[in-house]
Amino acid sequence: MDMMLEEELIDLMTFCLQAPELPEVDEKRKRIAEIGREIFEDGGIDALENFFSVLKNRITEEIKKDPSEFRPLWNGLTEEWKF
């Protein structure tokens, strides 16, 4: 399951970073937030941190853009995640 969520997040974030003006971005951002909730429920704050670290490394390497703007989408899941 983790690999499937990771790949989905890579696709969603890459799409949003490459085409931020498209109307589909709002739905994709909502899905990113939903996946974050799933990750947190399954593995807590450590899982969020680990996932985001992998996502940031891969996306930065592949398209040379920083996905850090998506971190706040997971705010509110825990007091420890404040971006």
N, C-alpha and C. Protein backbone atom coordinates (compact mmCIF):
# COMPACT_ATOMS: atom_id res chain seq x y z
N MET A 1 0.82 -1.19 0.00
CA MET A 1 0.00 0.00 0.00
C MET A 1 0.86 1.26 0.00
N ASP A 2 1.94 1.26 0.78
CA ASP A 2 2.79 2.44 0.86
C ASP A 2 3.34 2.85 -0.50
N MET A 3 3.77 1.88 -1.28
CA MET A 3 4.33 2.19 -2.60
C MET A 3 3.26 2.79 -3.52
N MET A 4 2.05 2.28 -3.42
CA MET A 4 0.97 2.81 -4.25
C MET A 4 0.65 4.25 -3.86
N LEU A 5 0.60 4.52 -2.55
CA LEU A 5 0.34 5.89 -2.09
C LEU A 5 1.48 6.82 -2.47
N GLU A 6 2.69 6.33 -2.35
CA GLU A 6 3.85 7.14 -2.72
C GLU A 6 3.79 7.52 -4.19
N GLU A 7 3.51 6.56 -5.04
CA GLU A 7 3.43 6.84 -6.47
C GLU A 7 2.28 7.79 -6.80
N GLU A 8 1.15 7.61 -6.12
CA GLU A 8 0.02 8.50 -6.35
C GLU A 8 0.38 9.93 -5.92
N LEU A 9 1.02 10.06 -4.77
CA LEU A 9 1.44 11.39 -4.32
C LEU A 9 2.45 12.02 -5.27
N ILE A 10 3.38 11.24 -5.76
CA ILE A 10 4.35 11.75 -6.74
C ILE A 10 3.60 12.31 -7.96
N ASP A 11 2.67 11.53 -8.47
CA ASP A 11 1.90 11.96 -9.65
C ASP A 11 1.09 13.22 -9.36
N LEU A 12 0.41 13.25 -8.21
CA LEU A 12 -0.43 14.40 -7.86
C LEU A 12 0.40 15.67 -7.68
N MET A 13 1.47 15.56 -6.92
CA MET A 13 2.30 16.73 -6.65
C MET A 13 3.01 17.21 -7.90
N THR A 14 3.49 16.29 -8.69
CA THR A 14 4.16 16.66 -9.94
C THR A 14 3.19 17.40 -10.85
N PHE A 15 1.98 16.88 -10.99
CA PHE A 15 0.97 17.55 -11.81
C PHE A 15 0.73 18.97 -11.32
N CYS A 16 0.51 19.12 -10.01
CA CYS A 16 0.22 20.44 -9.45
C CYS A 16 1.38 21.41 -9.63
N LEU A 17 2.59 20.93 -9.48
CA LEU A 17 3.76 21.79 -9.65
C LEU A 17 3.98 22.20 -11.10
N GLN A 18 3.65 21.32 -12.02
CA GLN A 18 3.91 21.60 -13.42
C GLN A 18 2.78 22.37 -14.10
N ALA A 19 1.57 22.29 -13.55
CA ALA A 19 0.43 22.97 -14.17
C ALA A 19 -0.46 23.61 -13.11
N PRO A 20 0.08 24.53 -12.31
CA PRO A 20 -0.68 25.09 -11.19
C PRO A 20 -1.92 25.89 -11.60
N GLU A 21 -2.00 26.26 -12.85
CA GLU A 21 -3.13 27.08 -13.31
C GLU A 21 -4.35 26.26 -13.73
N LEU A 22 -4.20 24.97 -13.86
CA LEU A 22 -5.31 24.14 -14.33
C LEU A 22 -6.36 23.93 -13.23
N PRO A 23 -7.63 23.85 -13.63
CA PRO A 23 -8.70 23.69 -12.64
C PRO A 23 -8.65 22.38 -11.86
N GLU A 24 -8.01 21.37 -12.39
CA GLU A 24 -7.92 20.07 -11.72
C GLU A 24 -7.05 20.11 -10.47
N VAL A 25 -6.26 21.16 -10.32
CA VAL A 25 -5.32 21.24 -9.20
C VAL A 25 -6.05 21.21 -7.86
N ASP A 26 -7.20 21.85 -7.75
CA ASP A 26 -7.93 21.85 -6.47
C ASP A 26 -8.31 20.43 -6.04
N GLU A 27 -8.79 19.63 -6.96
CA GLU A 27 -9.15 18.24 -6.64
C GLU A 27 -7.92 17.42 -6.28
N LYS A 28 -6.84 17.66 -6.97
CA LYS A 28 -5.60 16.92 -6.69
C LYS A 28 -5.04 17.30 -5.32
N ARG A 29 -5.15 18.57 -4.96
CA ARG A 29 -4.70 19.00 -3.63
C ARG A 29 -5.56 18.35 -2.53
N LYS A 30 -6.86 18.23 -2.78
CA LYS A 30 -7.74 17.55 -1.83
C LYS A 30 -7.33 16.09 -1.65
N ARG A 31 -6.97 15.44 -2.75
CA ARG A 31 -6.54 14.05 -2.68
C ARG A 31 -5.22 13.93 -1.91
N ILE A 32 -4.31 14.89 -2.11
CA ILE A 32 -3.05 14.89 -1.36
C ILE A 32 -3.35 14.96 0.13
N ALA A 33 -4.30 15.80 0.52
CA ALA A 33 -4.69 15.92 1.93
C ALA A 33 -5.29 14.61 2.44
N GLU A 34 -6.13 13.96 1.64
CA GLU A 34 -6.73 12.69 2.04
C GLU A 34 -5.67 11.61 2.25
N ILE A 35 -4.72 11.55 1.35
CA ILE A 35 -3.66 10.55 1.46
C ILE A 35 -2.83 10.82 2.72
N GLY A 36 -2.57 12.08 3.02
CA GLY A 36 -1.86 12.41 4.24
C GLY A 36 -2.58 11.89 5.46
N ARG A 37 -3.90 12.03 5.47
CA ARG A 37 -4.70 11.52 6.59
C ARG A 37 -4.56 10.00 6.70
N GLU A 38 -4.59 9.32 5.56
CA GLU A 38 -4.43 7.86 5.55
C GLU A 38 -3.06 7.45 6.09
N ILE A 39 -2.04 8.16 5.64
CA ILE A 39 -0.68 7.87 6.09
C ILE A 39 -0.57 8.08 7.60
N PHE A 40 -1.11 9.20 8.07
CA PHE A 40 -1.03 9.49 9.50
C PHE A 40 -1.78 8.45 10.33
N GLU A 41 -2.97 8.09 9.88
CA GLU A 41 -3.75 7.09 10.62
C GLU A 41 -3.04 5.74 10.67
N ASP A 42 -2.29 5.43 9.63
CA ASP A 42 -1.59 4.15 9.58
C ASP A 42 -0.27 4.16 10.34
N GLY A 43 0.46 5.30 10.31
CA GLY A 43 1.81 5.28 10.88
C GLY A 43 2.21 6.47 11.71
N GLY A 44 1.30 7.43 11.91
CA GLY A 44 1.61 8.58 12.76
C GLY A 44 2.54 9.60 12.12
N ILE A 45 3.07 10.46 12.97
CA ILE A 45 3.93 11.56 12.52
C ILE A 45 5.19 11.06 11.82
N ASP A 46 5.75 9.96 12.29
CA ASP A 46 6.95 9.41 11.66
C ASP A 46 6.67 9.03 10.21
N ALA A 47 5.52 8.46 9.95
CA ALA A 47 5.17 8.08 8.59
C ALA A 47 5.03 9.32 7.70
N LEU A 48 4.41 10.38 8.23
CA LEU A 48 4.29 11.63 7.45
C LEU A 48 5.67 12.17 7.11
N GLU A 49 6.54 12.23 8.09
CA GLU A 49 7.89 12.75 7.87
C GLU A 49 8.64 11.91 6.85
N ASN A 50 8.58 10.60 7.00
CA ASN A 50 9.29 9.71 6.08
C ASN A 50 8.75 9.83 4.66
N PHE A 51 7.43 9.83 4.53
CA PHE A 51 6.83 9.96 3.21
C PHE A 51 7.25 11.27 2.56
N PHE A 52 7.13 12.36 3.32
CA PHE A 52 7.43 13.64 2.69
C PHE A 52 8.89 13.76 2.31
N SER A 53 9.76 13.19 3.10
CA SER A 53 11.18 13.21 2.76
C SER A 53 11.44 12.51 1.43
N VAL A 54 10.84 11.33 1.26
CA VAL A 54 11.00 10.58 0.02
C VAL A 54 10.39 11.36 -1.15
N LEU A 55 9.21 11.91 -0.94
CA LEU A 55 8.54 12.68 -2.00
C LEU A 55 9.39 13.87 -2.43
N LYS A 56 9.88 14.60 -1.45
CA LYS A 56 10.68 15.79 -1.77
C LYS A 56 11.93 15.41 -2.56
N ASN A 57 12.61 14.36 -2.12
CA ASN A 57 13.82 13.93 -2.83
C ASN A 57 13.51 13.53 -4.27
N ARG A 58 12.48 12.73 -4.45
CA ARG A 58 12.16 12.24 -5.80
C ARG A 58 11.69 13.36 -6.71
N ILE A 59 10.78 14.19 -6.22
CA ILE A 59 10.24 15.25 -7.08
C ILE A 59 11.32 16.27 -7.42
N THR A 60 12.11 16.64 -6.44
CA THR A 60 13.19 17.59 -6.69
C THR A 60 14.17 17.03 -7.71
N GLU A 61 14.47 15.76 -7.59
CA GLU A 61 15.39 15.10 -8.53
C GLU A 61 14.79 15.02 -9.93
N GLU A 62 13.51 14.65 -10.01
CA GLU A 62 12.88 14.39 -11.31
C GLU A 62 12.50 15.66 -12.07
N ILE A 63 11.93 16.65 -11.38
CA ILE A 63 11.45 17.83 -12.13
C ILE A 63 12.08 19.13 -11.65
N LYS A 64 13.00 19.03 -10.71
CA LYS A 64 13.73 20.20 -10.21
C LYS A 64 12.81 21.25 -9.59
N LYS A 65 11.73 20.80 -8.94
CA LYS A 65 10.83 21.69 -8.22
C LYS A 65 10.63 21.16 -6.81
N ASP A 66 10.46 22.09 -5.87
CA ASP A 66 10.32 21.74 -4.47
C ASP A 66 8.84 21.59 -4.10
N PRO A 67 8.43 20.42 -3.62
CA PRO A 67 7.03 20.20 -3.26
C PRO A 67 6.66 20.66 -1.86
N SER A 68 7.51 21.43 -1.20
CA SER A 68 7.25 21.83 0.18
C SER A 68 5.95 22.61 0.35
N GLU A 69 5.45 23.22 -0.70
CA GLU A 69 4.18 23.96 -0.60
C GLU A 69 3.00 23.06 -0.24
N PHE A 70 3.18 21.75 -0.38
CA PHE A 70 2.10 20.81 -0.06
C PHE A 70 2.11 20.35 1.39
N ARG A 71 3.17 20.62 2.12
CA ARG A 71 3.24 20.22 3.53
C ARG A 71 2.07 20.74 4.36
N PRO A 72 1.65 22.00 4.18
CA PRO A 72 0.52 22.51 4.98
C PRO A 72 -0.80 21.78 4.73
N LEU A 73 -0.90 21.03 3.65
CA LEU A 73 -2.13 20.28 3.40
C LEU A 73 -2.35 19.22 4.46
N TRP A 74 -1.30 18.86 5.18
CA TRP A 74 -1.41 17.84 6.22
C TRP A 74 -1.48 18.46 7.61
N ASN A 75 -1.54 19.80 7.68
CA ASN A 75 -1.71 20.46 8.98
C ASN A 75 -3.05 20.04 9.58
N GLY A 76 -3.09 19.99 10.89
CA GLY A 76 -4.32 19.63 11.58
C GLY A 76 -4.46 18.15 11.89
N LEU A 77 -3.59 17.34 11.32
CA LEU A 77 -3.64 15.91 11.61
C LEU A 77 -3.07 15.62 12.99
N THR A 78 -2.08 16.40 13.38
CA THR A 78 -1.44 16.27 14.69
C THR A 78 -0.83 17.61 15.05
N GLU A 79 -0.70 17.85 16.33
CA GLU A 79 -0.08 19.08 16.82
C GLU A 79 1.39 19.18 16.37
N GLU A 80 2.01 18.05 16.12
CA GLU A 80 3.43 18.03 15.77
C GLU A 80 3.70 18.45 14.34
N TRP A 81 2.70 18.44 13.47
CA TRP A 81 2.87 18.78 12.06
C TRP A 81 2.32 20.18 11.84
N LYS A 82 3.20 21.17 11.85
CA LYS A 82 2.79 22.57 11.70
C LYS A 82 3.63 23.24 10.62
N PHE A 83 3.03 23.39 9.47
CA PHE A 83 3.75 24.04 8.36
C PHE A 83 2.88 25.09 7.73
